[in-house]
Amino acid sequence: MKEFDGLEVHYIGLSTSILQPNIAKNYGIERSRYTGFVNISVLDSTKPDKPAKKVALAGYATNLVGQRIPLEFDQIIEGKAIYYIALVDYPNDETYNFNIRIFDQGKEHLLKFSQKFYVNP
């Protein structure tokens, strides 16, 4: 989790193979040992109970040899929760450096993190 000027940004990268088949189907995500997803949620930390906040996201992932992969985020709303999901393909034991711009009410914040993906047996 990282904080930016009234925002609490939670992020994680995982293999799509961990998703339950019905959940993957509901959101049009293909389960694969060679595809990961980045899940980002943004909370408004200036309000009580930190409600989910709609924002715009844009970004890319770069592997360790410098190949850049653009990320396309889909917004998922479940009740009061809002998630932003982007898919990334990978070979085994691949580390990606993520650079994601968060646009919120005329302000831009840069979320940077690294994630290593493994092919699940």
N, C-alpha and C. Protein backbone atom coordinates (compact mmCIF):
# COMPACT_ATOMS: atom_id res chain seq x y z
N MET A 1 0.85 -1.17 0.00
CA MET A 1 0.00 0.00 0.00
C MET A 1 0.90 1.24 0.00
N LYS A 2 0.46 2.23 -0.77
CA LYS A 2 1.15 3.52 -0.78
C LYS A 2 0.12 4.62 -0.64
N GLU A 3 0.56 5.73 -0.02
CA GLU A 3 -0.33 6.87 0.17
C GLU A 3 0.12 8.02 -0.71
N PHE A 4 -0.88 8.69 -1.30
CA PHE A 4 -0.65 9.86 -2.15
C PHE A 4 -1.71 10.90 -1.84
N ASP A 5 -1.38 12.00 -1.25
CA ASP A 5 -2.24 13.17 -1.15
C ASP A 5 -3.73 12.83 -1.00
N GLY A 6 -4.09 12.16 0.09
CA GLY A 6 -5.48 11.83 0.35
C GLY A 6 -5.97 10.52 -0.25
N LEU A 7 -5.06 9.81 -0.90
CA LEU A 7 -5.42 8.52 -1.49
C LEU A 7 -4.62 7.40 -0.81
N GLU A 8 -5.26 6.28 -0.63
CA GLU A 8 -4.60 5.07 -0.15
C GLU A 8 -4.70 4.06 -1.29
N VAL A 9 -3.56 3.70 -1.86
CA VAL A 9 -3.54 2.84 -3.04
C VAL A 9 -3.02 1.45 -2.65
N HIS A 10 -3.86 0.45 -2.86
CA HIS A 10 -3.50 -0.94 -2.58
C HIS A 10 -3.24 -1.63 -3.90
N TYR A 11 -2.20 -2.46 -3.97
CA TYR A 11 -1.84 -3.11 -5.23
C TYR A 11 -1.24 -4.48 -4.96
N ILE A 12 -1.42 -5.36 -5.94
CA ILE A 12 -0.86 -6.69 -5.87
C ILE A 12 -0.80 -7.27 -7.28
N GLY A 13 0.17 -8.12 -7.52
CA GLY A 13 0.26 -8.85 -8.78
C GLY A 13 0.25 -10.34 -8.50
N LEU A 14 -0.59 -11.08 -9.22
CA LEU A 14 -0.74 -12.52 -9.01
C LEU A 14 -0.97 -13.22 -10.34
N SER A 15 -0.85 -14.53 -10.32
CA SER A 15 -1.15 -15.34 -11.50
C SER A 15 -2.67 -15.48 -11.64
N THR A 16 -3.15 -15.44 -12.88
CA THR A 16 -4.58 -15.65 -13.10
C THR A 16 -5.00 -17.08 -12.78
N SER A 17 -4.04 -17.99 -12.69
CA SER A 17 -4.37 -19.38 -12.39
C SER A 17 -4.92 -19.55 -10.97
N ILE A 18 -4.73 -18.56 -10.10
CA ILE A 18 -5.25 -18.68 -8.73
C ILE A 18 -6.73 -18.31 -8.63
N LEU A 19 -7.25 -17.69 -9.68
CA LEU A 19 -8.65 -17.28 -9.66
C LEU A 19 -9.56 -18.50 -9.76
N GLN A 20 -10.64 -18.47 -9.03
CA GLN A 20 -11.65 -19.51 -9.17
C GLN A 20 -12.25 -19.41 -10.58
N PRO A 21 -12.51 -20.55 -11.22
CA PRO A 21 -13.03 -20.51 -12.60
C PRO A 21 -14.26 -19.63 -12.79
N ASN A 22 -15.21 -19.67 -11.86
CA ASN A 22 -16.42 -18.86 -12.02
C ASN A 22 -16.12 -17.36 -11.92
N ILE A 23 -15.18 -16.99 -11.07
CA ILE A 23 -14.81 -15.57 -10.93
C ILE A 23 -14.12 -15.09 -12.21
N ALA A 24 -13.18 -15.89 -12.71
CA ALA A 24 -12.49 -15.53 -13.95
C ALA A 24 -13.49 -15.39 -15.10
N LYS A 25 -14.43 -16.30 -15.20
CA LYS A 25 -15.43 -16.25 -16.26
C LYS A 25 -16.29 -15.01 -16.14
N ASN A 26 -16.72 -14.68 -14.92
CA ASN A 26 -17.57 -13.49 -14.71
C ASN A 26 -16.91 -12.21 -15.21
N TYR A 27 -15.59 -12.13 -15.10
CA TYR A 27 -14.88 -10.91 -15.48
C TYR A 27 -14.12 -11.03 -16.79
N GLY A 28 -14.35 -12.14 -17.50
CA GLY A 28 -13.71 -12.30 -18.81
C GLY A 28 -12.21 -12.45 -18.75
N ILE A 29 -11.71 -13.07 -17.68
CA ILE A 29 -10.27 -13.26 -17.51
C ILE A 29 -9.94 -14.72 -17.80
N GLU A 30 -9.02 -14.94 -18.71
CA GLU A 30 -8.59 -16.30 -19.01
C GLU A 30 -7.58 -16.75 -17.95
N ARG A 31 -7.86 -17.88 -17.33
CA ARG A 31 -6.93 -18.43 -16.35
C ARG A 31 -5.78 -19.09 -17.09
N SER A 32 -4.55 -18.76 -16.70
CA SER A 32 -3.37 -19.32 -17.36
C SER A 32 -2.19 -19.27 -16.40
N ARG A 33 -1.33 -20.26 -16.53
CA ARG A 33 -0.10 -20.27 -15.73
C ARG A 33 0.88 -19.21 -16.23
N TYR A 34 0.63 -18.67 -17.43
CA TYR A 34 1.55 -17.71 -18.05
C TYR A 34 0.97 -16.30 -18.15
N THR A 35 -0.10 -16.05 -17.41
CA THR A 35 -0.71 -14.72 -17.41
C THR A 35 -0.92 -14.29 -15.96
N GLY A 36 -0.49 -13.09 -15.68
CA GLY A 36 -0.69 -12.52 -14.36
C GLY A 36 -1.67 -11.36 -14.44
N PHE A 37 -2.08 -10.90 -13.28
CA PHE A 37 -2.91 -9.71 -13.24
C PHE A 37 -2.43 -8.80 -12.12
N VAL A 38 -2.61 -7.52 -12.36
CA VAL A 38 -2.33 -6.51 -11.37
C VAL A 38 -3.69 -6.00 -10.90
N ASN A 39 -3.88 -5.98 -9.60
CA ASN A 39 -5.13 -5.53 -9.00
C ASN A 39 -4.82 -4.28 -8.18
N ILE A 40 -5.48 -3.19 -8.51
CA ILE A 40 -5.26 -1.93 -7.81
C ILE A 40 -6.60 -1.41 -7.29
N SER A 41 -6.61 -1.00 -6.04
CA SER A 41 -7.79 -0.34 -5.49
C SER A 41 -7.35 0.97 -4.85
N VAL A 42 -8.19 1.97 -4.98
CA VAL A 42 -7.87 3.31 -4.49
C VAL A 42 -8.95 3.71 -3.49
N LEU A 43 -8.52 4.11 -2.31
CA LEU A 43 -9.44 4.54 -1.26
C LEU A 43 -9.23 6.01 -0.97
N ASP A 44 -10.32 6.69 -0.62
CA ASP A 44 -10.27 8.10 -0.26
C ASP A 44 -9.98 8.21 1.23
N SER A 45 -8.73 8.48 1.58
CA SER A 45 -8.33 8.51 3.00
C SER A 45 -8.72 9.80 3.70
N THR A 46 -9.36 10.73 2.99
CA THR A 46 -9.80 11.97 3.63
C THR A 46 -11.20 11.83 4.23
N LYS A 47 -11.86 10.72 3.93
CA LYS A 47 -13.24 10.52 4.41
C LYS A 47 -13.30 9.38 5.41
N PRO A 48 -14.29 9.43 6.31
CA PRO A 48 -14.45 8.33 7.27
C PRO A 48 -14.69 7.02 6.52
N ASP A 49 -14.19 5.96 7.06
CA ASP A 49 -14.32 4.61 6.50
C ASP A 49 -13.58 4.42 5.18
N LYS A 50 -12.85 5.42 4.70
CA LYS A 50 -12.05 5.33 3.49
C LYS A 50 -12.79 4.64 2.34
N PRO A 51 -13.79 5.28 1.78
CA PRO A 51 -14.54 4.64 0.69
C PRO A 51 -13.70 4.49 -0.58
N ALA A 52 -14.08 3.51 -1.41
CA ALA A 52 -13.42 3.32 -2.70
C ALA A 52 -13.62 4.55 -3.57
N LYS A 53 -12.65 4.81 -4.42
CA LYS A 53 -12.70 6.01 -5.24
C LYS A 53 -12.46 5.65 -6.70
N LYS A 54 -13.24 6.27 -7.59
CA LYS A 54 -13.02 6.10 -9.03
C LYS A 54 -11.91 7.04 -9.46
N VAL A 55 -10.96 6.48 -10.19
CA VAL A 55 -9.83 7.23 -10.73
C VAL A 55 -9.59 6.72 -12.15
N ALA A 56 -8.66 7.35 -12.84
CA ALA A 56 -8.21 6.86 -14.14
C ALA A 56 -6.78 6.36 -13.96
N LEU A 57 -6.46 5.25 -14.63
CA LEU A 57 -5.12 4.66 -14.55
C LEU A 57 -4.53 4.47 -15.93
N ALA A 58 -3.24 4.65 -16.03
CA ALA A 58 -2.50 4.37 -17.26
C ALA A 58 -1.10 3.94 -16.84
N GLY A 59 -0.53 3.03 -17.60
CA GLY A 59 0.82 2.64 -17.23
C GLY A 59 1.38 1.53 -18.08
N TYR A 60 2.53 1.05 -17.63
CA TYR A 60 3.23 -0.01 -18.34
C TYR A 60 4.06 -0.82 -17.36
N ALA A 61 4.46 -1.99 -17.82
CA ALA A 61 5.38 -2.85 -17.07
C ALA A 61 6.62 -3.02 -17.93
N THR A 62 7.77 -3.08 -17.28
CA THR A 62 9.04 -3.28 -17.98
C THR A 62 9.74 -4.48 -17.36
N ASN A 63 10.19 -5.43 -18.22
CA ASN A 63 10.94 -6.56 -17.67
C ASN A 63 12.39 -6.15 -17.48
N LEU A 64 13.21 -7.05 -16.97
CA LEU A 64 14.59 -6.70 -16.61
C LEU A 64 15.50 -6.47 -17.81
N VAL A 65 15.07 -6.86 -19.02
CA VAL A 65 15.86 -6.55 -20.21
C VAL A 65 15.33 -5.32 -20.93
N GLY A 66 14.36 -4.63 -20.33
CA GLY A 66 13.89 -3.37 -20.85
C GLY A 66 12.70 -3.42 -21.79
N GLN A 67 12.10 -4.59 -21.98
CA GLN A 67 10.92 -4.67 -22.83
C GLN A 67 9.74 -4.06 -22.11
N ARG A 68 9.03 -3.16 -22.79
CA ARG A 68 7.92 -2.45 -22.18
C ARG A 68 6.59 -3.04 -22.66
N ILE A 69 5.72 -3.31 -21.71
CA ILE A 69 4.40 -3.86 -21.99
C ILE A 69 3.35 -2.85 -21.52
N PRO A 70 2.54 -2.29 -22.44
CA PRO A 70 1.50 -1.37 -22.00
C PRO A 70 0.42 -2.11 -21.21
N LEU A 71 -0.14 -1.45 -20.23
CA LEU A 71 -1.19 -2.04 -19.40
C LEU A 71 -2.53 -1.40 -19.75
N GLU A 72 -3.55 -2.24 -19.88
CA GLU A 72 -4.91 -1.78 -20.12
C GLU A 72 -5.74 -2.17 -18.91
N PHE A 73 -6.22 -1.19 -18.18
CA PHE A 73 -6.96 -1.43 -16.95
C PHE A 73 -8.47 -1.49 -17.20
N ASP A 74 -9.10 -2.50 -16.61
CA ASP A 74 -10.55 -2.61 -16.59
C ASP A 74 -11.02 -2.28 -15.18
N GLN A 75 -12.09 -1.53 -15.11
CA GLN A 75 -12.68 -1.20 -13.81
C GLN A 75 -13.73 -2.24 -13.45
N ILE A 76 -13.64 -2.75 -12.22
CA ILE A 76 -14.61 -3.72 -11.71
C ILE A 76 -15.24 -3.12 -10.47
N ILE A 77 -16.58 -3.10 -10.44
CA ILE A 77 -17.30 -2.58 -9.28
C ILE A 77 -18.10 -3.72 -8.69
N GLU A 78 -17.86 -3.98 -7.41
CA GLU A 78 -18.60 -5.00 -6.64
C GLU A 78 -19.14 -4.32 -5.39
N GLY A 79 -20.41 -3.99 -5.41
CA GLY A 79 -20.98 -3.28 -4.27
C GLY A 79 -20.30 -1.93 -4.12
N LYS A 80 -19.70 -1.68 -2.96
CA LYS A 80 -19.00 -0.42 -2.71
C LYS A 80 -17.52 -0.49 -3.09
N ALA A 81 -17.04 -1.67 -3.48
CA ALA A 81 -15.62 -1.84 -3.83
C ALA A 81 -15.39 -1.54 -5.31
N ILE A 82 -14.25 -0.94 -5.60
CA ILE A 82 -13.85 -0.66 -6.97
C ILE A 82 -12.43 -1.19 -7.15
N TYR A 83 -12.24 -2.02 -8.18
CA TYR A 83 -10.93 -2.59 -8.49
C TYR A 83 -10.55 -2.23 -9.91
N TYR A 84 -9.26 -2.11 -10.14
CA TYR A 84 -8.74 -1.90 -11.49
C TYR A 84 -7.79 -3.06 -11.78
N ILE A 85 -8.09 -3.78 -12.87
CA ILE A 85 -7.35 -4.99 -13.21
C ILE A 85 -6.68 -4.82 -14.57
N ALA A 86 -5.40 -5.20 -14.66
CA ALA A 86 -4.68 -5.25 -15.93
C ALA A 86 -3.96 -6.59 -16.00
N LEU A 87 -3.93 -7.17 -17.20
CA LEU A 87 -3.29 -8.46 -17.41
C LEU A 87 -1.90 -8.28 -17.99
N VAL A 88 -1.02 -9.22 -17.66
CA VAL A 88 0.34 -9.22 -18.20
C VAL A 88 0.78 -10.67 -18.40
N ASP A 89 1.29 -10.96 -19.60
CA ASP A 89 1.82 -12.30 -19.89
C ASP A 89 3.28 -12.36 -19.45
N TYR A 90 3.72 -13.56 -19.06
CA TYR A 90 5.10 -13.70 -18.59
C TYR A 90 5.59 -15.13 -18.79
N PRO A 91 6.92 -15.29 -18.95
CA PRO A 91 7.53 -16.62 -18.86
C PRO A 91 7.80 -16.91 -17.38
N ASN A 92 8.33 -18.05 -17.07
CA ASN A 92 8.61 -18.38 -15.67
C ASN A 92 9.70 -17.47 -15.10
N ASP A 93 9.54 -17.14 -13.83
CA ASP A 93 10.56 -16.42 -13.08
C ASP A 93 10.87 -15.06 -13.71
N GLU A 94 9.82 -14.29 -14.00
CA GLU A 94 9.98 -12.98 -14.64
C GLU A 94 9.63 -11.88 -13.65
N THR A 95 10.50 -10.89 -13.58
CA THR A 95 10.25 -9.72 -12.74
C THR A 95 9.85 -8.55 -13.63
N TYR A 96 8.78 -7.88 -13.26
CA TYR A 96 8.34 -6.68 -13.95
C TYR A 96 8.40 -5.50 -13.00
N ASN A 97 8.82 -4.37 -13.54
CA ASN A 97 8.77 -3.10 -12.84
C ASN A 97 7.56 -2.36 -13.39
N PHE A 98 6.62 -2.03 -12.51
CA PHE A 98 5.39 -1.38 -12.91
C PHE A 98 5.48 0.12 -12.66
N ASN A 99 5.02 0.88 -13.64
CA ASN A 99 4.92 2.34 -13.55
C ASN A 99 3.48 2.69 -13.92
N ILE A 100 2.72 3.11 -12.93
CA ILE A 100 1.29 3.35 -13.14
C ILE A 100 0.94 4.76 -12.69
N ARG A 101 0.37 5.51 -13.61
CA ARG A 101 -0.08 6.87 -13.28
C ARG A 101 -1.53 6.81 -12.83
N ILE A 102 -1.80 7.48 -11.73
CA ILE A 102 -3.14 7.56 -11.17
C ILE A 102 -3.61 9.00 -11.33
N PHE A 103 -4.73 9.17 -12.03
CA PHE A 103 -5.27 10.51 -12.27
C PHE A 103 -6.51 10.68 -11.40
N ASP A 104 -6.47 11.70 -10.53
CA ASP A 104 -7.56 11.95 -9.60
C ASP A 104 -7.82 13.44 -9.48
N GLN A 105 -8.93 13.89 -10.00
CA GLN A 105 -9.36 15.28 -9.89
C GLN A 105 -8.26 16.28 -10.25
N GLY A 106 -7.67 16.10 -11.40
CA GLY A 106 -6.65 17.02 -11.89
C GLY A 106 -5.26 16.78 -11.33
N LYS A 107 -5.12 15.83 -10.44
CA LYS A 107 -3.80 15.50 -9.89
C LYS A 107 -3.32 14.17 -10.46
N GLU A 108 -2.02 14.06 -10.61
CA GLU A 108 -1.43 12.82 -11.11
C GLU A 108 -0.43 12.30 -10.09
N HIS A 109 -0.53 11.00 -9.82
CA HIS A 109 0.38 10.33 -8.88
C HIS A 109 1.02 9.16 -9.60
N LEU A 110 2.27 8.87 -9.26
CA LEU A 110 2.98 7.76 -9.90
C LEU A 110 3.20 6.64 -8.90
N LEU A 111 2.63 5.49 -9.20
CA LEU A 111 2.80 4.27 -8.40
C LEU A 111 3.85 3.41 -9.09
N LYS A 112 4.93 3.11 -8.36
CA LYS A 112 5.99 2.26 -8.89
C LYS A 112 6.19 1.09 -7.95
N PHE A 113 6.25 -0.12 -8.53
CA PHE A 113 6.55 -1.30 -7.73
C PHE A 113 7.05 -2.41 -8.65
N SER A 114 7.68 -3.41 -8.06
CA SER A 114 8.17 -4.57 -8.80
C SER A 114 7.42 -5.81 -8.33
N GLN A 115 7.24 -6.74 -9.26
CA GLN A 115 6.57 -7.99 -8.96
C GLN A 115 7.23 -9.11 -9.75
N LYS A 116 7.52 -10.21 -9.06
CA LYS A 116 8.07 -11.39 -9.72
C LYS A 116 6.95 -12.39 -9.92
N PHE A 117 6.84 -12.92 -11.14
CA PHE A 117 5.81 -13.90 -11.47
C PHE A 117 6.47 -15.25 -11.74
N TYR A 118 5.81 -16.30 -11.29
CA TYR A 118 6.28 -17.66 -11.49
C TYR A 118 5.19 -18.45 -12.19
N VAL A 119 5.60 -19.44 -12.98
CA VAL A 119 4.65 -20.35 -13.59
C VAL A 119 4.30 -21.40 -12.55
N ASN A 120 3.01 -21.50 -12.24
CA ASN A 120 2.55 -22.49 -11.27
C ASN A 120 2.47 -23.86 -11.92
N PRO A 121 2.93 -24.88 -11.22
CA PRO A 121 2.88 -26.23 -11.81
C PRO A 121 1.47 -26.74 -11.98
